[in-house]
Each structure stands twice: as structure tokens, then as C-alpha cells.
Amino acid sequence: MSVMEMSHRGKEFLSIIQKAESDLKALLDIPAEYAVLFLQGGATSQFATISLNLCKRDDLVDILVTGSWGDKAFKEAQKFCKPSVIWSGKSEKYTKIP
């Protein structure tokens, strides 16, 4: 059975995730009082994570939009802070950066 087929509450999976966390803490020298979070999602979910971790609701944030991913990040940031696009390459089809 692959890890993808296991219950996330099962003994087999728990031993895998605990070993992964232990190995990662040792490899990256993460202090014992910190936890490692294994989160699902791809790059798009990271746009919300960045805003949620680095900004407060009323924070003013300047964003450079250098590509379609930057545009998506700006749209997601609007949910969590007050972003302002200070430069965008959209009009030139993202062929330049400042």
C-alpha cells in the first residue's frame, strides 16, 4: 500500500510523518519548541500563506507584479491586507522588470 492510500490517522502514516518531522528538524536544526507543518496545496495556496504570516489586516504592502503569478499573489493579498501595485509588467506582457 502506498502512503497516498493510507489513513492520515493510521499507525503506519503517523510513524512516517513523525520520522519526517524528526529528520527535517535535525537536518535544518529546527529548535525542539517549534513544530513542522506539512500542508497540502500548491504554489497558489502559498499566496495566502505569505499574507497571513507577514501582514496584519490594516498593513499597507507594496507589490511588484512581474508575471501572472505576481498578479495572482496581489489578488490573494487583497483578502488579508491592503496591497498596492507599485509596478506591473502586464501592459508589456511581463517582458521587463524594474
PDB file of N, CA and C in Angstrom:
ATOM      1  N   MET A   1       0.849  -1.173   0.000  1.00  0.00           N
ATOM      2  CA  MET A   1       0.000   0.000   0.000  1.00  0.00           C
ATOM      3  C   MET A   1       0.902   1.246   0.000  1.00  0.00           C
ATOM      4  N   SER A   2       0.575   2.221  -0.827  1.00  0.00           N
ATOM      5  CA  SER A   2       1.365   3.450  -0.873  1.00  0.00           C
ATOM      6  C   SER A   2       0.900   4.408   0.224  1.00  0.00           C
ATOM      7  N   VAL A   3       1.731   5.392   0.525  1.00  0.00           N
ATOM      8  CA  VAL A   3       1.385   6.376   1.549  1.00  0.00           C
ATOM      9  C   VAL A   3       0.129   7.156   1.149  1.00  0.00           C
ATOM     10  N   MET A   4      -0.107   7.294  -0.138  1.00  0.00           N
ATOM     11  CA  MET A   4      -1.292   8.017  -0.616  1.00  0.00           C
ATOM     12  C   MET A   4      -2.593   7.287  -0.285  1.00  0.00           C
ATOM     13  N   GLU A   5      -2.506   6.002  -0.066  1.00  0.00           N
ATOM     14  CA  GLU A   5      -3.700   5.207   0.231  1.00  0.00           C
ATOM     15  C   GLU A   5      -3.944   5.047   1.722  1.00  0.00           C
ATOM     16  N   MET A   6      -3.014   5.495   2.551  1.00  0.00           N
ATOM     17  CA  MET A   6      -3.120   5.314   3.999  1.00  0.00           C
ATOM     18  C   MET A   6      -4.015   6.370   4.628  1.00  0.00           C
ATOM     19  N   SER A   7      -4.636   5.994   5.720  1.00  0.00           N
ATOM     20  CA  SER A   7      -5.386   6.957   6.513  1.00  0.00           C
ATOM     21  C   SER A   7      -4.394   7.876   7.220  1.00  0.00           C
ATOM     22  N   HIS A   8      -4.690   9.168   7.245  1.00  0.00           N
ATOM     23  CA  HIS A   8      -3.792  10.099   7.932  1.00  0.00           C
ATOM     24  C   HIS A   8      -3.846   9.927   9.453  1.00  0.00           C
ATOM     25  N   ARG A   9      -4.744   9.067   9.924  1.00  0.00           N
ATOM     26  CA  ARG A   9      -4.831   8.770  11.352  1.00  0.00           C
ATOM     27  C   ARG A   9      -4.276   7.385  11.694  1.00  0.00           C
ATOM     28  N   GLY A  10      -3.868   6.655  10.668  1.00  0.00           N
ATOM     29  CA  GLY A  10      -3.381   5.293  10.887  1.00  0.00           C
ATOM     30  C   GLY A  10      -1.977   5.252  11.468  1.00  0.00           C
ATOM     31  N   LYS A  11      -1.661   4.144  12.148  1.00  0.00           N
ATOM     32  CA  LYS A  11      -0.347   3.974  12.780  1.00  0.00           C
ATOM     33  C   LYS A  11       0.787   4.059  11.769  1.00  0.00           C
ATOM     34  N   GLU A  12       0.604   3.450  10.610  1.00  0.00           N
ATOM     35  CA  GLU A  12       1.670   3.451   9.605  1.00  0.00           C
ATOM     36  C   GLU A  12       1.995   4.864   9.146  1.00  0.00           C
ATOM     37  N   PHE A  13       0.957   5.643   8.857  1.00  0.00           N
ATOM     38  CA  PHE A  13       1.173   7.008   8.400  1.00  0.00           C
ATOM     39  C   PHE A  13       1.767   7.871   9.510  1.00  0.00           C
ATOM     40  N   LEU A  14       1.270   7.713  10.721  1.00  0.00           N
ATOM     41  CA  LEU A  14       1.794   8.506  11.834  1.00  0.00           C
ATOM     42  C   LEU A  14       3.290   8.277  12.038  1.00  0.00           C
ATOM     43  N   SER A  15       3.733   7.036  11.882  1.00  0.00           N
ATOM     44  CA  SER A  15       5.165   6.779  12.040  1.00  0.00           C
ATOM     45  C   SER A  15       5.966   7.448  10.910  1.00  0.00           C
ATOM     46  N   ILE A  16       5.411   7.470   9.705  1.00  0.00           N
ATOM     47  CA  ILE A  16       6.091   8.118   8.578  1.00  0.00           C
ATOM     48  C   ILE A  16       6.189   9.622   8.811  1.00  0.00           C
ATOM     49  N   ILE A  17       5.106  10.252   9.211  1.00  0.00           N
ATOM     50  CA  ILE A  17       5.095  11.706   9.390  1.00  0.00           C
ATOM     51  C   ILE A  17       5.945  12.124  10.586  1.00  0.00           C
ATOM     52  N   GLN A  18       5.954  11.332  11.643  1.00  0.00           N
ATOM     53  CA  GLN A  18       6.792  11.645  12.804  1.00  0.00           C
ATOM     54  C   GLN A  18       8.269  11.528  12.449  1.00  0.00           C
ATOM     55  N   LYS A  19       8.623  10.528  11.663  1.00  0.00           N
ATOM     56  CA  LYS A  19      10.017  10.364  11.227  1.00  0.00           C
ATOM     57  C   LYS A  19      10.411  11.515  10.298  1.00  0.00           C
ATOM     58  N   ALA A  20       9.516  11.902   9.414  1.00  0.00           N
ATOM     59  CA  ALA A  20       9.796  13.015   8.500  1.00  0.00           C
ATOM     60  C   ALA A  20      10.019  14.304   9.279  1.00  0.00           C
ATOM     61  N   GLU A  21       9.190  14.563  10.282  1.00  0.00           N
ATOM     62  CA  GLU A  21       9.356  15.771  11.087  1.00  0.00           C
ATOM     63  C   GLU A  21      10.672  15.722  11.860  1.00  0.00           C
ATOM     64  N   SER A  22      10.970  14.600  12.441  1.00  0.00           N
ATOM     65  CA  SER A  22      12.218  14.435  13.187  1.00  0.00           C
ATOM     66  C   SER A  22      13.433  14.648  12.290  1.00  0.00           C
ATOM     67  N   ASP A  23      13.416  14.040  11.119  1.00  0.00           N
ATOM     68  CA  ASP A  23      14.528  14.179  10.175  1.00  0.00           C
ATOM     69  C   ASP A  23      14.690  15.635   9.719  1.00  0.00           C
ATOM     70  N   LEU A  24      13.574  16.295   9.432  1.00  0.00           N
ATOM     71  CA  LEU A  24      13.620  17.677   8.974  1.00  0.00           C
ATOM     72  C   LEU A  24      14.159  18.602  10.060  1.00  0.00           C
ATOM     73  N   LYS A  25      13.735  18.380  11.301  1.00  0.00           N
ATOM     74  CA  LYS A  25      14.236  19.192  12.417  1.00  0.00           C
ATOM     75  C   LYS A  25      15.741  19.012  12.583  1.00  0.00           C
ATOM     76  N   ALA A  26      16.200  17.784  12.462  1.00  0.00           N
ATOM     77  CA  ALA A  26      17.635  17.518  12.596  1.00  0.00           C
ATOM     78  C   ALA A  26      18.410  18.128  11.431  1.00  0.00           C
ATOM     79  N   LEU A  27      17.914  17.949  10.241  1.00  0.00           N
ATOM     80  CA  LEU A  27      18.590  18.438   9.044  1.00  0.00           C
ATOM     81  C   LEU A  27      18.695  19.962   9.009  1.00  0.00           C
ATOM     82  N   LEU A  28      17.614  20.638   9.406  1.00  0.00           N
ATOM     83  CA  LEU A  28      17.574  22.099   9.345  1.00  0.00           C
ATOM     84  C   LEU A  28      17.839  22.766  10.691  1.00  0.00           C
ATOM     85  N   ASP A  29      18.169  21.964  11.702  1.00  0.00           N
ATOM     86  CA  ASP A  29      18.465  22.471  13.039  1.00  0.00           C
ATOM     87  C   ASP A  29      17.305  23.303  13.588  1.00  0.00           C
ATOM     88  N   ILE A  30      16.096  22.762  13.472  1.00  0.00           N
ATOM     89  CA  ILE A  30      14.893  23.435  13.956  1.00  0.00           C
ATOM     90  C   ILE A  30      14.760  23.154  15.454  1.00  0.00           C
ATOM     91  N   PRO A  31      14.618  24.200  16.276  1.00  0.00           N
ATOM     92  CA  PRO A  31      14.523  24.005  17.727  1.00  0.00           C
ATOM     93  C   PRO A  31      13.353  23.110  18.125  1.00  0.00           C
ATOM     94  N   ALA A  32      13.516  22.432  19.244  1.00  0.00           N
ATOM     95  CA  ALA A  32      12.507  21.478  19.726  1.00  0.00           C
ATOM     96  C   ALA A  32      11.155  22.136  19.983  1.00  0.00           C
ATOM     97  N   GLU A  33      11.159  23.426  20.374  1.00  0.00           N
ATOM     98  CA  GLU A  33       9.888  24.093  20.682  1.00  0.00           C
ATOM     99  C   GLU A  33       9.094  24.495  19.441  1.00  0.00           C
ATOM    100  N   TYR A  34       9.642  24.228  18.254  1.00  0.00           N
ATOM    101  CA  TYR A  34       8.946  24.505  17.001  1.00  0.00           C
ATOM    102  C   TYR A  34       8.347  23.224  16.444  1.00  0.00           C
ATOM    103  N   ALA A  35       7.235  23.374  15.768  1.00  0.00           N
ATOM    104  CA  ALA A  35       6.606  22.245  15.083  1.00  0.00           C
ATOM    105  C   ALA A  35       6.789  22.433  13.582  1.00  0.00           C
ATOM    106  N   VAL A  36       6.847  21.344  12.871  1.00  0.00           N
ATOM    107  CA  VAL A  36       6.914  21.376  11.412  1.00  0.00           C
ATOM    108  C   VAL A  36       5.511  21.085  10.908  1.00  0.00           C
ATOM    109  N   LEU A  37       5.011  21.946  10.041  1.00  0.00           N
ATOM    110  CA  LEU A  37       3.687  21.746   9.473  1.00  0.00           C
ATOM    111  C   LEU A  37       3.817  21.227   8.048  1.00  0.00           C
ATOM    112  N   PHE A  38       3.165  20.138   7.765  1.00  0.00           N
ATOM    113  CA  PHE A  38       3.098  19.609   6.409  1.00  0.00           C
ATOM    114  C   PHE A  38       1.724  19.969   5.876  1.00  0.00           C
ATOM    115  N   LEU A  39       1.698  20.877   4.917  1.00  0.00           N
ATOM    116  CA  LEU A  39       0.436  21.394   4.414  1.00  0.00           C
ATOM    117  C   LEU A  39       0.218  20.990   2.967  1.00  0.00           C
ATOM    118  N   GLN A  40      -1.027  20.768   2.641  1.00  0.00           N
ATOM    119  CA  GLN A  40      -1.358  20.451   1.260  1.00  0.00           C
ATOM    120  C   GLN A  40      -1.447  21.727   0.455  1.00  0.00           C
ATOM    121  N   GLY A  41      -1.493  21.581  -0.807  1.00  0.00           N
ATOM    122  CA  GLY A  41      -1.663  22.735  -1.673  1.00  0.00           C
ATOM    123  C   GLY A  41      -0.428  22.992  -2.495  1.00  0.00           C
ATOM    124  N   GLY A  42      -0.620  23.708  -3.545  1.00  0.00           N
ATOM    125  CA  GLY A  42       0.499  24.046  -4.411  1.00  0.00           C
ATOM    126  C   GLY A  42       0.908  25.484  -4.229  1.00  0.00           C
ATOM    127  N   ALA A  43       1.520  26.026  -5.245  1.00  0.00           N
ATOM    128  CA  ALA A  43       2.038  27.391  -5.187  1.00  0.00           C
ATOM    129  C   ALA A  43       0.932  28.403  -4.904  1.00  0.00           C
ATOM    130  N   THR A  44      -0.228  28.202  -5.467  1.00  0.00           N
ATOM    131  CA  THR A  44      -1.314  29.163  -5.291  1.00  0.00           C
ATOM    132  C   THR A  44      -1.694  29.314  -3.825  1.00  0.00           C
ATOM    133  N   SER A  45      -1.693  28.237  -3.066  1.00  0.00           N
ATOM    134  CA  SER A  45      -2.049  28.340  -1.647  1.00  0.00           C
ATOM    135  C   SER A  45      -1.013  29.119  -0.859  1.00  0.00           C
ATOM    136  N   GLN A  46       0.207  29.197  -1.373  1.00  0.00           N
ATOM    137  CA  GLN A  46       1.261  29.949  -0.691  1.00  0.00           C
ATOM    138  C   GLN A  46       1.012  31.455  -0.737  1.00  0.00           C
ATOM    139  N   PHE A  47       0.254  31.937  -1.705  1.00  0.00           N
ATOM    140  CA  PHE A  47      -0.042  33.360  -1.767  1.00  0.00           C
ATOM    141  C   PHE A  47      -0.795  33.803  -0.513  1.00  0.00           C
ATOM    142  N   ALA A  48      -1.771  33.022  -0.085  1.00  0.00           N
ATOM    143  CA  ALA A  48      -2.498  33.341   1.147  1.00  0.00           C
ATOM    144  C   ALA A  48      -1.599  33.164   2.357  1.00  0.00           C
ATOM    145  N   THR A  49      -0.798  32.122   2.364  1.00  0.00           N
ATOM    146  CA  THR A  49       0.076  31.844   3.497  1.00  0.00           C
ATOM    147  C   THR A  49       1.046  32.994   3.740  1.00  0.00           C
ATOM    148  N   ILE A  50       1.609  33.546   2.685  1.00  0.00           N
ATOM    149  CA  ILE A  50       2.547  34.662   2.828  1.00  0.00           C
ATOM    150  C   ILE A  50       1.850  35.857   3.474  1.00  0.00           C
ATOM    151  N   SER A  51       0.696  36.233   2.964  1.00  0.00           N
ATOM    152  CA  SER A  51      -0.037  37.371   3.526  1.00  0.00           C
ATOM    153  C   SER A  51      -0.463  37.111   4.962  1.00  0.00           C
ATOM    154  N   LEU A  52      -0.939  35.925   5.244  1.00  0.00           N
ATOM    155  CA  LEU A  52      -1.400  35.612   6.593  1.00  0.00           C
ATOM    156  C   LEU A  52      -0.261  35.625   7.608  1.00  0.00           C
ATOM    157  N   ASN A  53       0.931  35.244   7.196  1.00  0.00           N
ATOM    158  CA  ASN A  53       2.061  35.183   8.111  1.00  0.00           C
ATOM    159  C   ASN A  53       2.826  36.488   8.241  1.00  0.00           C
ATOM    160  N   LEU A  54       2.806  37.320   7.231  1.00  0.00           N
ATOM    161  CA  LEU A  54       3.634  38.520   7.245  1.00  0.00           C
ATOM    162  C   LEU A  54       2.856  39.819   7.415  1.00  0.00           C
ATOM    163  N   CYS A  55       1.542  39.775   7.313  1.00  0.00           N
ATOM    164  CA  CYS A  55       0.765  41.016   7.318  1.00  0.00           C
ATOM    165  C   CYS A  55      -0.372  40.973   8.331  1.00  0.00           C
ATOM    166  N   LYS A  56      -0.730  42.165   8.775  1.00  0.00           N
ATOM    167  CA  LYS A  56      -1.941  42.343   9.564  1.00  0.00           C
ATOM    168  C   LYS A  56      -2.992  42.944   8.638  1.00  0.00           C
ATOM    169  N   ARG A  57      -4.231  42.895   9.038  1.00  0.00           N
ATOM    170  CA  ARG A  57      -5.350  43.337   8.193  1.00  0.00           C
ATOM    171  C   ARG A  57      -5.155  44.753   7.647  1.00  0.00           C
ATOM    172  N   ASP A  58      -4.643  45.673   8.445  1.00  0.00           N
ATOM    173  CA  ASP A  58      -4.518  47.070   8.024  1.00  0.00           C
ATOM    174  C   ASP A  58      -3.137  47.427   7.484  1.00  0.00           C
ATOM    175  N   ASP A  59      -2.260  46.457   7.333  1.00  0.00           N
ATOM    176  CA  ASP A  59      -0.922  46.737   6.808  1.00  0.00           C
ATOM    177  C   ASP A  59      -0.974  47.165   5.339  1.00  0.00           C
ATOM    178  N   LEU A  60      -0.186  48.185   5.025  1.00  0.00           N
ATOM    179  CA  LEU A  60      -0.018  48.610   3.638  1.00  0.00           C
ATOM    180  C   LEU A  60       1.166  47.837   3.074  1.00  0.00           C
ATOM    181  N   VAL A  61       0.977  47.186   1.944  1.00  0.00           N
ATOM    182  CA  VAL A  61       2.002  46.328   1.351  1.00  0.00           C
ATOM    183  C   VAL A  61       2.203  46.736  -0.106  1.00  0.00           C
ATOM    184  N   ASP A  62       3.454  46.963  -0.479  1.00  0.00           N
ATOM    185  CA  ASP A  62       3.778  47.278  -1.867  1.00  0.00           C
ATOM    186  C   ASP A  62       4.151  46.004  -2.602  1.00  0.00           C
ATOM    187  N   ILE A  63       3.614  45.835  -3.802  1.00  0.00           N
ATOM    188  CA  ILE A  63       3.839  44.622  -4.577  1.00  0.00           C
ATOM    189  C   ILE A  63       4.281  44.981  -5.993  1.00  0.00           C
ATOM    190  N   LEU A  64       5.325  44.293  -6.450  1.00  0.00           N
ATOM    191  CA  LEU A  64       5.752  44.367  -7.838  1.00  0.00           C
ATOM    192  C   LEU A  64       5.119  43.184  -8.560  1.00  0.00           C
ATOM    193  N   VAL A  65       4.403  43.443  -9.632  1.00  0.00           N
ATOM    194  CA  VAL A  65       3.782  42.362 -10.390  1.00  0.00           C
ATOM    195  C   VAL A  65       4.643  42.120 -11.629  1.00  0.00           C
ATOM    196  N   THR A  66       5.462  41.073 -11.551  1.00  0.00           N
ATOM    197  CA  THR A  66       6.415  40.789 -12.632  1.00  0.00           C
ATOM    198  C   THR A  66       5.977  39.634 -13.519  1.00  0.00           C
ATOM    199  N   GLY A  67       4.811  39.094 -13.225  1.00  0.00           N
ATOM    200  CA  GLY A  67       4.310  37.986 -14.033  1.00  0.00           C
ATOM    201  C   GLY A  67       2.918  37.588 -13.591  1.00  0.00           C
ATOM    202  N   SER A  68       2.371  36.587 -14.240  1.00  0.00           N
ATOM    203  CA  SER A  68       0.999  36.173 -13.918  1.00  0.00           C
ATOM    204  C   SER A  68       0.888  35.650 -12.486  1.00  0.00           C
ATOM    205  N   TRP A  69       1.954  35.043 -11.965  1.00  0.00           N
ATOM    206  CA  TRP A  69       1.927  34.570 -10.575  1.00  0.00           C
ATOM    207  C   TRP A  69       1.884  35.751  -9.615  1.00  0.00           C
ATOM    208  N   GLY A  70       2.611  36.811  -9.926  1.00  0.00           N
ATOM    209  CA  GLY A  70       2.582  38.016  -9.103  1.00  0.00           C
ATOM    210  C   GLY A  70       1.205  38.649  -9.101  1.00  0.00           C
ATOM    211  N   ASP A  71       0.529  38.605 -10.241  1.00  0.00           N
ATOM    212  CA  ASP A  71      -0.836  39.114 -10.330  1.00  0.00           C
ATOM    213  C   ASP A  71      -1.768  38.311  -9.431  1.00  0.00           C
ATOM    214  N   LYS A  72      -1.607  37.000  -9.445  1.00  0.00           N
ATOM    215  CA  LYS A  72      -2.421  36.138  -8.568  1.00  0.00           C
ATOM    216  C   LYS A  72      -2.119  36.408  -7.102  1.00  0.00           C
ATOM    217  N   ALA A  73      -0.837  36.628  -6.788  1.00  0.00           N
ATOM    218  CA  ALA A  73      -0.445  36.922  -5.401  1.00  0.00           C
ATOM    219  C   ALA A  73      -1.074  38.228  -4.926  1.00  0.00           C
ATOM    220  N   PHE A  74      -1.097  39.233  -5.791  1.00  0.00           N
ATOM    221  CA  PHE A  74      -1.724  40.507  -5.440  1.00  0.00           C
ATOM    222  C   PHE A  74      -3.208  40.311  -5.140  1.00  0.00           C
ATOM    223  N   LYS A  75      -3.899  39.592  -5.991  1.00  0.00           N
ATOM    224  CA  LYS A  75      -5.336  39.361  -5.786  1.00  0.00           C
ATOM    225  C   LYS A  75      -5.603  38.628  -4.473  1.00  0.00           C
ATOM    226  N   GLU A  76      -4.765  37.680  -4.126  1.00  0.00           N
ATOM    227  CA  GLU A  76      -4.929  36.942  -2.873  1.00  0.00           C
ATOM    228  C   GLU A  76      -4.603  37.837  -1.677  1.00  0.00           C
ATOM    229  N   ALA A  77      -3.583  38.675  -1.794  1.00  0.00           N
ATOM    230  CA  ALA A  77      -3.197  39.576  -0.706  1.00  0.00           C
ATOM    231  C   ALA A  77      -4.330  40.547  -0.357  1.00  0.00           C
ATOM    232  N   GLN A  78      -5.158  40.895  -1.328  1.00  0.00           N
ATOM    233  CA  GLN A  78      -6.275  41.810  -1.084  1.00  0.00           C
ATOM    234  C   GLN A  78      -7.238  41.276  -0.026  1.00  0.00           C
ATOM    235  N   LYS A  79      -7.248  39.984   0.180  1.00  0.00           N
ATOM    236  CA  LYS A  79      -8.134  39.379   1.182  1.00  0.00           C
ATOM    237  C   LYS A  79      -7.606  39.570   2.608  1.00  0.00           C
ATOM    238  N   PHE A  80      -6.300  39.848   2.763  1.00  0.00           N
ATOM    239  CA  PHE A  80      -5.681  39.798   4.080  1.00  0.00           C
ATOM    240  C   PHE A  80      -4.982  41.079   4.512  1.00  0.00           C
ATOM    241  N   CYS A  81      -4.756  42.019   3.596  1.00  0.00           N
ATOM    242  CA  CYS A  81      -4.076  43.268   3.927  1.00  0.00           C
ATOM    243  C   CYS A  81      -4.479  44.312   2.891  1.00  0.00           C
ATOM    244  N   LYS A  82      -3.734  45.401   2.845  1.00  0.00           N
ATOM    245  CA  LYS A  82      -4.033  46.472   1.898  1.00  0.00           C
ATOM    246  C   LYS A  82      -2.863  46.618   0.919  1.00  0.00           C
ATOM    247  N   PRO A  83      -2.839  45.756  -0.103  1.00  0.00           N
ATOM    248  CA  PRO A  83      -1.717  45.812  -1.044  1.00  0.00           C
ATOM    249  C   PRO A  83      -1.887  46.916  -2.084  1.00  0.00           C
ATOM    250  N   SER A  84      -0.756  47.366  -2.565  1.00  0.00           N
ATOM    251  CA  SER A  84      -0.734  48.367  -3.629  1.00  0.00           C
ATOM    252  C   SER A  84       0.268  47.900  -4.682  1.00  0.00           C
ATOM    253  N   VAL A  85      -0.164  47.868  -5.929  1.00  0.00           N
ATOM    254  CA  VAL A  85       0.755  47.502  -7.007  1.00  0.00           C
ATOM    255  C   VAL A  85       1.587  48.738  -7.316  1.00  0.00           C
ATOM    256  N   ILE A  86       2.888  48.675  -7.023  1.00  0.00           N
ATOM    257  CA  ILE A  86       3.751  49.827  -7.288  1.00  0.00           C
ATOM    258  C   ILE A  86       4.407  49.729  -8.658  1.00  0.00           C
ATOM    259  N   TRP A  87       4.336  48.565  -9.277  1.00  0.00           N
ATOM    260  CA  TRP A  87       4.815  48.387 -10.645  1.00  0.00           C
ATOM    261  C   TRP A  87       4.208  47.111 -11.200  1.00  0.00           C
ATOM    262  N   SER A  88       3.823  47.150 -12.459  1.00  0.00           N
ATOM    263  CA  SER A  88       3.313  45.964 -13.137  1.00  0.00           C
ATOM    264  C   SER A  88       3.861  45.895 -14.559  1.00  0.00           C
ATOM    265  N   GLY A  89       4.245  44.719 -14.952  1.00  0.00           N
ATOM    266  CA  GLY A  89       4.725  44.496 -16.311  1.00  0.00           C
ATOM    267  C   GLY A  89       3.648  43.954 -17.230  1.00  0.00           C
ATOM    268  N   LYS A  90       2.417  43.952 -16.747  1.00  0.00           N
ATOM    269  CA  LYS A  90       1.318  43.354 -17.514  1.00  0.00           C
ATOM    270  C   LYS A  90       1.136  44.018 -18.880  1.00  0.00           C
ATOM    271  N   SER A  91       1.226  45.336 -18.928  1.00  0.00           N
ATOM    272  CA  SER A  91       0.997  46.041 -20.199  1.00  0.00           C
ATOM    273  C   SER A  91       2.037  45.667 -21.255  1.00  0.00           C
ATOM    274  N   GLU A  92       3.198  45.200 -20.824  1.00  0.00           N
ATOM    275  CA  GLU A  92       4.249  44.777 -21.750  1.00  0.00           C
ATOM    276  C   GLU A  92       4.406  43.251 -21.772  1.00  0.00           C
ATOM    277  N   LYS A  93       3.326  42.572 -21.359  1.00  0.00           N
ATOM    278  CA  LYS A  93       3.264  41.116 -21.361  1.00  0.00           C
ATOM    279  C   LYS A  93       4.395  40.488 -20.540  1.00  0.00           C
ATOM    280  N   TYR A  94       4.741  41.157 -19.434  1.00  0.00           N
ATOM    281  CA  TYR A  94       5.730  40.666 -18.478  1.00  0.00           C
ATOM    282  C   TYR A  94       7.084  40.357 -19.123  1.00  0.00           C
ATOM    283  N   THR A  95       7.517  41.220 -20.023  1.00  0.00           N
ATOM    284  CA  THR A  95       8.815  41.020 -20.680  1.00  0.00           C
ATOM    285  C   THR A  95       9.917  41.850 -20.033  1.00  0.00           C
ATOM    286  N   LYS A  96       9.563  42.693 -19.053  1.00  0.00           N
ATOM    287  CA  LYS A  96      10.530  43.547 -18.367  1.00  0.00           C
ATOM    288  C   LYS A  96      10.273  43.512 -16.875  1.00  0.00           C
ATOM    289  N   ILE A  97      11.323  43.805 -16.129  1.00  0.00           N
ATOM    290  CA  ILE A  97      11.174  44.037 -14.694  1.00  0.00           C
ATOM    291  C   ILE A  97      11.926  45.321 -14.358  1.00  0.00           C
ATOM    292  N   PRO A  98      11.523  46.014 -13.308  1.00  0.00           N
ATOM    293  CA  PRO A  98      12.170  47.298 -12.989  1.00  0.00           C
ATOM    294  C   PRO A  98      13.606  47.102 -12.478  1.00  0.00           C
TER     295      PRO A  98
END
